[in-house]
């Protein structure tokens, strides 16, 4: 459990960052496409 906990925590952090990036990135892309 302890061995996987560190890897899971890192994976969760990466997933959270990726999800935040996905939420932030598509909105400006859509806005730019709509403006263009």
PDB file of N, CA and C in Angstrom:
ATOM      1  N   UNK A   1       0.841  -1.204   0.000  1.00  0.00           N
ATOM      2  CA  UNK A   1       0.000   0.000   0.000  1.00  0.00           C
ATOM      3  C   UNK A   1       0.884   1.266   0.000  1.00  0.00           C
ATOM      4  N   UNK A   2       1.909   1.263   0.885  1.00  0.00           N
ATOM      5  CA  UNK A   2       2.773   2.445   0.961  1.00  0.00           C
ATOM      6  C   UNK A   2       3.526   2.652  -0.349  1.00  0.00           C
ATOM      7  N   UNK A   3       3.997   1.565  -0.953  1.00  0.00           N
ATOM      8  CA  UNK A   3       4.751   1.696  -2.207  1.00  0.00           C
ATOM      9  C   UNK A   3       3.861   2.306  -3.297  1.00  0.00           C
ATOM     10  N   UNK A   4       2.622   1.847  -3.347  1.00  0.00           N
ATOM     11  CA  UNK A   4       1.726   2.362  -4.395  1.00  0.00           C
ATOM     12  C   UNK A   4       1.200   3.751  -4.039  1.00  0.00           C
ATOM     13  N   UNK A   5       1.135   4.074  -2.750  1.00  0.00           N
ATOM     14  CA  UNK A   5       0.568   5.365  -2.338  1.00  0.00           C
ATOM     15  C   UNK A   5       1.347   6.513  -2.973  1.00  0.00           C
ATOM     16  N   UNK A   6       2.679   6.435  -2.953  1.00  0.00           N
ATOM     17  CA  UNK A   6       3.478   7.519  -3.535  1.00  0.00           C
ATOM     18  C   UNK A   6       3.208   7.623  -5.024  1.00  0.00           C
ATOM     19  N   UNK A   7       3.199   6.505  -5.716  1.00  0.00           N
ATOM     20  CA  UNK A   7       2.956   6.536  -7.166  1.00  0.00           C
ATOM     21  C   UNK A   7       1.547   7.027  -7.452  1.00  0.00           C
ATOM     22  N   UNK A   8       0.588   6.592  -6.653  1.00  0.00           N
ATOM     23  CA  UNK A   8      -0.795   7.031  -6.866  1.00  0.00           C
ATOM     24  C   UNK A   8      -0.924   8.526  -6.626  1.00  0.00           C
ATOM     25  N   UNK A   9      -0.248   9.029  -5.583  1.00  0.00           N
ATOM     26  CA  UNK A   9      -0.314  10.471  -5.303  1.00  0.00           C
ATOM     27  C   UNK A   9       0.247  11.253  -6.478  1.00  0.00           C
ATOM     28  N   UNK A  10       1.380  10.798  -7.013  1.00  0.00           N
ATOM     29  CA  UNK A  10       1.988  11.479  -8.170  1.00  0.00           C
ATOM     30  C   UNK A  10       1.037  11.404  -9.359  1.00  0.00           C
ATOM     31  N   UNK A  11       0.463  10.234  -9.591  1.00  0.00           N
ATOM     32  CA  UNK A  11      -0.445  10.058 -10.727  1.00  0.00           C
ATOM     33  C   UNK A  11      -1.664  10.969 -10.553  1.00  0.00           C
ATOM     34  N   UNK A  12      -2.170  11.058  -9.334  1.00  0.00           N
ATOM     35  CA  UNK A  12      -3.338  11.915  -9.084  1.00  0.00           C
ATOM     36  C   UNK A  12      -2.973  13.368  -9.347  1.00  0.00           C
ATOM     37  N   UNK A  13      -1.780  13.787  -8.899  1.00  0.00           N
ATOM     38  CA  UNK A  13      -1.359  15.171  -9.130  1.00  0.00           C
ATOM     39  C   UNK A  13      -1.256  15.436 -10.624  1.00  0.00           C
ATOM     40  N   UNK A  14      -0.692  14.491 -11.346  1.00  0.00           N
ATOM     41  CA  UNK A  14      -0.549  14.668 -12.799  1.00  0.00           C
ATOM     42  C   UNK A  14      -1.933  14.742 -13.439  1.00  0.00           C
ATOM     43  N   UNK A  15      -2.831  13.850 -13.024  1.00  0.00           N
ATOM     44  CA  UNK A  15      -4.181  13.859 -13.595  1.00  0.00           C
ATOM     45  C   UNK A  15      -4.886  15.175 -13.285  1.00  0.00           C
ATOM     46  N   UNK A  16      -4.725  15.663 -12.062  1.00  0.00           N
ATOM     47  CA  UNK A  16      -5.371  16.935 -11.682  1.00  0.00           C
ATOM     48  C   UNK A  16      -4.822  18.054 -12.548  1.00  0.00           C
ATOM     49  N   UNK A  17      -3.493  18.083 -12.728  1.00  0.00           N
ATOM     50  CA  UNK A  17      -2.900  19.136 -13.559  1.00  0.00           C
ATOM     51  C   UNK A  17      -3.399  19.010 -14.991  1.00  0.00           C
ATOM     52  N   UNK A  18      -3.455  17.791 -15.499  1.00  0.00           N
ATOM     53  CA  UNK A  18      -3.905  17.586 -16.878  1.00  0.00           C
ATOM     54  C   UNK A  18      -5.363  18.012 -17.005  1.00  0.00           C
ATOM     55  N   UNK A  19      -6.172  17.637 -16.037  1.00  0.00           N
ATOM     56  CA  UNK A  19      -7.595  18.016 -16.092  1.00  0.00           C
ATOM     57  C   UNK A  19      -7.748  19.526 -16.043  1.00  0.00           C
ATOM     58  N   UNK A  20      -6.965  20.188 -15.176  1.00  0.00           N
ATOM     59  CA  UNK A  20      -7.033  21.654 -15.091  1.00  0.00           C
ATOM     60  C   UNK A  20      -6.603  22.257 -16.416  1.00  0.00           C
ATOM     61  N   UNK A  21      -5.516  21.706 -17.004  1.00  0.00           N
ATOM     62  CA  UNK A  21      -5.046  22.229 -18.295  1.00  0.00           C
ATOM     63  C   UNK A  21      -6.126  22.021 -19.358  1.00  0.00           C
ATOM     64  N   UNK A  22      -6.774  20.849 -19.341  1.00  0.00           N
ATOM     65  CA  UNK A  22      -7.800  20.561 -20.355  1.00  0.00           C
ATOM     66  C   UNK A  22      -8.965  21.538 -20.180  1.00  0.00           C
ATOM     67  N   UNK A  23      -9.324  21.820 -18.925  1.00  0.00           N
ATOM     68  CA  UNK A  23     -10.447  22.742 -18.682  1.00  0.00           C
ATOM     69  C   UNK A  23     -10.076  24.156 -19.111  1.00  0.00           C
ATOM     70  N   UNK A  24      -8.819  24.534 -18.865  1.00  0.00           N
ATOM     71  CA  UNK A  24      -8.405  25.914 -19.176  1.00  0.00           C
ATOM     72  C   UNK A  24      -8.115  26.081 -20.668  1.00  0.00           C
ATOM     73  N   UNK A  25      -7.488  25.071 -21.280  1.00  0.00           N
ATOM     74  CA  UNK A  25      -7.033  25.223 -22.671  1.00  0.00           C
ATOM     75  C   UNK A  25      -8.198  25.249 -23.669  1.00  0.00           C
ATOM     76  N   UNK A  26      -9.145  24.322 -23.637  1.00  0.00           N
ATOM     77  CA  UNK A  26     -10.184  24.290 -24.671  1.00  0.00           C
ATOM     78  C   UNK A  26     -11.034  25.556 -24.722  1.00  0.00           C
ATOM     79  N   UNK A  27     -11.209  26.220 -23.609  1.00  0.00           N
ATOM     80  CA  UNK A  27     -12.041  27.438 -23.628  1.00  0.00           C
ATOM     81  C   UNK A  27     -11.406  28.526 -24.480  1.00  0.00           C
ATOM     82  N   UNK A  28     -10.123  28.878 -24.240  1.00  0.00           N
ATOM     83  CA  UNK A  28      -9.499  29.888 -25.102  1.00  0.00           C
ATOM     84  C   UNK A  28      -9.419  29.432 -26.557  1.00  0.00           C
ATOM     85  N   UNK A  29      -9.186  28.133 -26.771  1.00  0.00           N
ATOM     86  CA  UNK A  29      -9.120  27.632 -28.156  1.00  0.00           C
ATOM     87  C   UNK A  29     -10.466  27.846 -28.829  1.00  0.00           C
ATOM     88  N   UNK A  30     -11.540  27.518 -28.136  1.00  0.00           N
ATOM     89  CA  UNK A  30     -12.883  27.686 -28.709  1.00  0.00           C
ATOM     90  C   UNK A  30     -13.150  29.167 -28.961  1.00  0.00           C
ATOM     91  N   UNK A  31     -12.745  30.005 -28.008  1.00  0.00           N
ATOM     92  CA  UNK A  31     -12.968  31.451 -28.166  1.00  0.00           C
ATOM     93  C   UNK A  31     -12.181  31.961 -29.360  1.00  0.00           C
ATOM     94  N   UNK A  32     -10.919  31.516 -29.470  1.00  0.00           N
ATOM     95  CA  UNK A  32     -10.092  31.969 -30.591  1.00  0.00           C
ATOM     96  C   UNK A  32     -10.703  31.506 -31.911  1.00  0.00           C
ATOM     97  N   UNK A  33     -11.165  30.256 -31.942  1.00  0.00           N
ATOM     98  CA  UNK A  33     -11.754  29.736 -33.181  1.00  0.00           C
ATOM     99  C   UNK A  33     -13.013  30.523 -33.521  1.00  0.00           C
ATOM    100  N   UNK A  34     -13.819  30.838 -32.504  1.00  0.00           N
ATOM    101  CA  UNK A  34     -15.048  31.601 -32.754  1.00  0.00           C
ATOM    102  C   UNK A  34     -14.706  33.005 -33.240  1.00  0.00           C
ATOM    103  N   UNK A  35     -13.676  33.618 -32.649  1.00  0.00           N
ATOM    104  CA  UNK A  35     -13.287  34.974 -33.065  1.00  0.00           C
ATOM    105  C   UNK A  35     -12.734  34.936 -34.491  1.00  0.00           C
ATOM    106  N   UNK A  36     -11.949  33.899 -34.767  1.00  0.00           N
ATOM    107  CA  UNK A  36     -11.370  33.805 -36.109  1.00  0.00           C
ATOM    108  C   UNK A  36     -12.481  33.498 -37.113  1.00  0.00           C
TER     109      UNK A  36
END
